[in-house]
Amino acid sequence: FYHQECANTLALTAMFQSCPKPILLEIARKMERVVYPSGSTIENAPNVAYVIASGKVRRWSEVDGKEHSTTTYCLYSVGLLHLYNSHAKLRFNADCVSDVVAYRLPRKVLDETMLKHPELAACIIKELSWTIRNQSHQLATPFSEQKNVKISYTATALAASVESFYRSALNALINQKLTGHKGSLFPDMHVQVPCRVIYISGLKHIRSTFDDYDFSSSPIETQIRLGLCIAPGLIMCPFSSMLEATNAGASNPEPLSKRWMRGYSPRLVREVIFAVGINQLADYLTERVGVRMTENTGLQQAIGSVTAGVISGYFSHVPHVLSTLKLHKPEASYLRLWAEVYSKSMPSISPARLSWQGDMMAAQVMAVVFPVGVVRRSVQIAGTFSIINGITYALRNTNLY
């Protein structure tokens, strides 16, 4: 049993993942099982490594007389990458956080096995090369320099068409929560769908057009790139305003030609956040978060889009609330609408023991930090980013591109 446990653990380490199981079992039969109680230190000996079958180990190193905890790719081993280097500075330091079951691997055992099975050396080189690549080759494109993928008008239009129904229903529910007026889930879809297709396609294709220009020689390259990040949201805001106006007919009887301008200023802020989120932020987080969590490129895209959607939904919610309330109540000032926002926040955060002044201060803080409807808004934007980026990604290898 112990030999099989040891072989299975060896197969999980950075060095032996692609090695044949019979060879691993042969190595395991020559390894010694060692049990370390919690709080003990694993022996730091030259030319010896350990594989950790169970328990938790804290690795640390000493730099300039100060102890630092360290991270490692070798989660199931201690000292394995130092097995062929006995220099004191390269030896490991490992303390047992819990009871640990380990198997001791002397260098001599590995030498003998490689002489008997030369193919083992090739397997080890392959795995170590992959480990080094993972550690050294990390995607790290700066935020403002994120490049768009190849764009297809047809795929983007298809994705935007599907998303427009999702967005319309969620917007209707959010507006009902904010205003108290219940409207249709899918009003004026003959206007919404083409406007949404133009809007989303515009955000994607404007960004793609800007990617064709090289600003590396400009002394203000960073400022230019940041300006181009927010430009798609500014340019496409009128189409978003038209979309918002179609959802407000139940409470604002003004004609559509006039209604779409209500709440334009905060909507402009919201659209900049949305555009940056679906473009640069989603790609940035796919590199930083998705790639580190999974090797599946589809899941990487989904993780980046959902994370970017939650962040964009949170930061765009207050501008969204103000623009929506202004759209539904055009006669009200922004100051009055703001008062309405924090008054809605007060009942859920006002325990009886707080003073009235404390209630007012808490309501104003909560209106900014966690305003009414922010969770629903974040879910909506996360879904929007996932649908649009997901569909365009799924269709990348079809004839639509």
Foldseek 3Di string as FASTA:
>chain_A
DQLLLQLVQQCVFLQNVPPDSVLSSVLSVVWAKDKDAAFDKDDFAALKKKFWSDAAKWWWAADPNDIDTDDDPGRGMACPVRNPPRDPRPIITIGTNHIIIMIMHGNVSVVVSCVVPVVSVVSRVVSVVVRVCVVPPADDDDLLLDAADDDFLVLLLVLQQVLLLLLLQLVQVLLCVQPVDHDDSCFPVVLRSVLSSCLRSQLRVLRNVVNVDDCPPPPPSVVVSVVSLQVSLQVSLLSVLLNLLRSQCRQDVDDSVPLSCFLSVLSSVLSSLLSSLLGRQLSNQLRVPVVVPDVDSLSSSLVSLLVSLLVSLQQSVLSVQLRNVCSNVVVDDSVVSLVSFLVVQQVVPDDPVDDPVVSSVVSNVCSNNPTPPSVSSSNSSSVSSCSSSNSCVVCVPPPSD
